[in-house]
Amino acid sequence: MQNNNTNVLPIEKVISLLSYMSMGIIGLVWYIIALLLKRKLKYFLLYNISQSMIIAIILAIFKLFIDIILMLISKIPFLDFIVALFNLIISIKIIRFHTLGFSFTLIEFLVFLLLLYISIGVILGKIFYIPFLTKFMNKVIKQEK
C-alpha cells in the first residue's frame, strides 16, 4: 500500500470509486471535463481513473481472447465436448443472493474481489499495489506529467 504525500479530497475518492465501479466510464467523463476546463487532475485521481480504464481493457481483451480460443477449439472434432464442459463450468453460479436477485460466477466473483480490494484503498485515500499493473501505471502517469 502506498501513501500519497498530499491529502485526497472526498470528491476525488468518490470519482475514483465510481470510475472503478463503471469500468472507467465515469473517470473518462471526469477526465474529459477536466481537459475542457483546463484543470489538471491530482496524481491520486489520475492514477485511479487510468487504472480503472486499463483494468476494463485487460478484462475485455481477456474475454475476447478466451472466446476466440474456445471458438477455434470447438471447430475441432471431438473437442467441442471439452469446450461445452468448460463453458458449463465457468457459467456455474457459485454465489447466489436470492433476496437481491443476482449471483456471481467464479470469474465475476474474482473481478468483484479485485474491485473490492481497490475500492478499500480508494476509500482510505491510498494506492494499493497490484503486481505488474502498479509499475505500469506509474510509468504511464510519469510520462503524462
Protein backbone atom coordinates (compact mmCIF):
# COMPACT_ATOMS: atom_id res chain seq x y z
CA MET A 1 0.00 0.00 0.00
CA GLN A 2 1.41 3.37 -0.99
CA ASN A 3 0.74 6.56 0.92
CA ASN A 4 0.11 9.75 -1.00
CA ASN A 5 2.05 12.81 0.06
CA THR A 6 -0.95 15.10 -0.49
CA ASN A 7 -4.35 14.92 1.12
CA VAL A 8 -7.00 13.31 -1.01
CA LEU A 9 -10.24 15.25 -1.29
CA PRO A 10 -13.53 13.39 -0.74
CA ILE A 11 -14.66 14.18 -4.31
CA GLU A 12 -11.51 12.53 -5.63
CA LYS A 13 -12.29 9.41 -3.62
CA VAL A 14 -15.88 9.35 -4.91
CA ILE A 15 -14.87 9.85 -8.56
CA SER A 16 -12.15 7.19 -8.23
CA LEU A 17 -14.59 4.73 -6.67
CA LEU A 18 -17.26 5.41 -9.31
CA SER A 19 -14.63 5.05 -12.02
CA TYR A 20 -13.82 1.52 -10.85
CA MET A 21 -17.47 0.59 -10.48
CA SER A 22 -18.26 1.81 -14.03
CA MET A 23 -15.09 0.24 -15.51
CA GLY A 24 -13.57 3.63 -16.27
CA ILE A 25 -16.54 5.36 -17.94
CA ILE A 26 -17.20 7.92 -15.19
CA GLY A 27 -13.47 8.54 -14.81
CA LEU A 28 -13.13 9.14 -18.55
CA VAL A 29 -16.02 11.64 -18.46
CA TRP A 30 -14.41 13.39 -15.47
CA TYR A 31 -11.06 13.50 -17.29
CA ILE A 32 -12.68 14.99 -20.41
CA ILE A 33 -14.43 17.62 -18.27
CA ALA A 34 -11.09 18.48 -16.64
CA LEU A 35 -9.49 18.85 -20.09
CA LEU A 36 -12.30 21.11 -21.30
CA LEU A 37 -11.99 23.27 -18.17
CA LYS A 38 -8.17 23.18 -18.49
CA ARG A 39 -7.75 21.81 -14.99
CA LYS A 40 -5.00 19.42 -14.01
CA LEU A 41 -6.02 16.28 -12.10
CA LYS A 42 -4.11 15.29 -8.98
CA TYR A 43 -1.95 12.17 -9.09
CA PHE A 44 -4.36 10.08 -6.98
CA LEU A 45 -7.34 10.77 -9.23
CA LEU A 46 -5.40 10.46 -12.48
CA TYR A 47 -3.86 7.19 -11.30
CA ASN A 48 -7.21 5.63 -10.34
CA ILE A 49 -9.01 6.81 -13.49
CA SER A 50 -6.23 5.42 -15.68
CA GLN A 51 -6.03 2.17 -13.74
CA SER A 52 -9.78 1.60 -13.93
CA MET A 53 -9.68 2.02 -17.71
CA ILE A 54 -6.65 -0.30 -18.01
CA ILE A 55 -8.41 -2.97 -15.91
CA ALA A 56 -11.52 -2.70 -18.12
CA ILE A 57 -9.40 -3.03 -21.28
CA ILE A 58 -7.50 -6.02 -19.87
CA LEU A 59 -10.76 -7.75 -18.93
CA ALA A 60 -12.24 -7.10 -22.39
CA ILE A 61 -9.14 -8.42 -24.16
CA PHE A 62 -9.05 -11.46 -21.87
CA LYS A 63 -12.71 -12.26 -22.61
CA LEU A 64 -12.17 -11.77 -26.35
CA PHE A 65 -9.07 -14.00 -26.28
CA ILE A 66 -10.90 -16.77 -24.39
CA ASP A 67 -13.89 -16.55 -26.76
CA ILE A 68 -11.65 -16.84 -29.83
CA ILE A 69 -9.69 -19.77 -28.38
CA LEU A 70 -12.88 -21.60 -27.41
CA MET A 71 -14.40 -20.96 -30.84
CA LEU A 72 -11.31 -22.37 -32.57
CA ILE A 73 -11.17 -25.41 -30.29
CA SER A 74 -14.88 -26.09 -30.77
CA LYS A 75 -14.29 -26.47 -34.53
CA ILE A 76 -12.01 -29.45 -33.91
CA PRO A 77 -13.97 -32.72 -33.93
CA PHE A 78 -14.34 -34.40 -30.53
CA LEU A 79 -13.03 -31.30 -28.71
CA ASP A 80 -16.34 -29.47 -28.87
CA PHE A 81 -17.37 -31.52 -25.84
CA ILE A 82 -14.45 -30.07 -23.84
CA VAL A 83 -15.44 -26.53 -24.84
CA ALA A 84 -19.03 -27.18 -23.81
CA LEU A 85 -17.85 -28.60 -20.49
CA PHE A 86 -15.56 -25.60 -19.91
CA ASN A 87 -18.40 -23.18 -20.70
CA LEU A 88 -20.63 -25.05 -18.28
CA ILE A 89 -18.02 -24.90 -15.52
CA ILE A 90 -17.34 -21.17 -15.87
CA SER A 91 -21.04 -20.33 -16.09
CA ILE A 92 -21.98 -22.06 -12.82
CA LYS A 93 -23.19 -19.53 -10.29
CA ILE A 94 -21.07 -20.07 -7.17
CA ILE A 95 -22.67 -17.36 -5.03
CA ARG A 96 -26.36 -16.51 -5.13
CA PHE A 97 -28.21 -13.70 -3.43
CA HIS A 98 -31.84 -14.68 -3.91
CA THR A 99 -33.25 -11.74 -1.95
CA LEU A 100 -31.24 -9.23 -4.00
CA GLY A 101 -31.79 -11.07 -7.28
CA PHE A 102 -28.22 -11.54 -8.50
CA SER A 103 -25.45 -14.10 -8.46
CA PHE A 104 -21.75 -14.48 -9.30
CA THR A 105 -19.87 -16.90 -11.49
CA LEU A 106 -16.30 -17.69 -10.45
CA ILE A 107 -14.76 -15.13 -12.82
CA GLU A 108 -17.28 -12.45 -11.85
CA PHE A 109 -16.54 -13.13 -8.19
CA LEU A 110 -12.76 -12.79 -8.75
CA VAL A 111 -13.28 -9.47 -10.56
CA PHE A 112 -15.56 -8.35 -7.73
CA LEU A 113 -12.87 -9.20 -5.15
CA LEU A 114 -10.27 -7.24 -7.14
CA LEU A 115 -12.56 -4.21 -7.33
CA LEU A 116 -13.38 -4.52 -3.63
CA TYR A 117 -9.66 -4.62 -2.81
CA ILE A 118 -9.00 -1.50 -4.88
CA SER A 119 -12.11 0.25 -3.51
CA ILE A 120 -10.88 -0.15 0.06
CA GLY A 121 -7.67 1.59 -0.95
CA VAL A 122 -9.61 4.39 -2.65
CA ILE A 123 -11.77 4.95 0.41
CA LEU A 124 -8.65 5.09 2.60
CA GLY A 125 -7.01 7.50 0.14
CA LYS A 126 -4.20 5.08 -0.61
CA ILE A 127 -2.98 3.32 -3.71
CA PHE A 128 -2.90 -0.45 -3.30
CA TYR A 129 -0.15 -2.40 -5.03
CA ILE A 130 -1.28 -4.69 -7.82
CA PRO A 131 1.58 -6.74 -9.32
CA PHE A 132 2.69 -5.54 -12.78
CA LEU A 133 -0.18 -3.06 -13.07
CA THR A 134 1.08 -0.61 -10.44
CA LYS A 135 4.54 -0.37 -12.03
CA PHE A 136 2.97 0.10 -15.46
CA MET A 137 0.62 2.80 -14.15
CA ASN A 138 3.48 4.70 -12.51
CA LYS A 139 5.33 4.77 -15.85
CA VAL A 140 2.21 5.97 -17.70
CA ILE A 141 1.48 8.73 -15.18
CA LYS A 142 5.11 9.95 -15.16
CA GLN A 143 5.16 10.16 -18.97
CA GLU A 144 2.00 12.24 -18.95
CA LYS A 145 3.37 14.84 -16.49
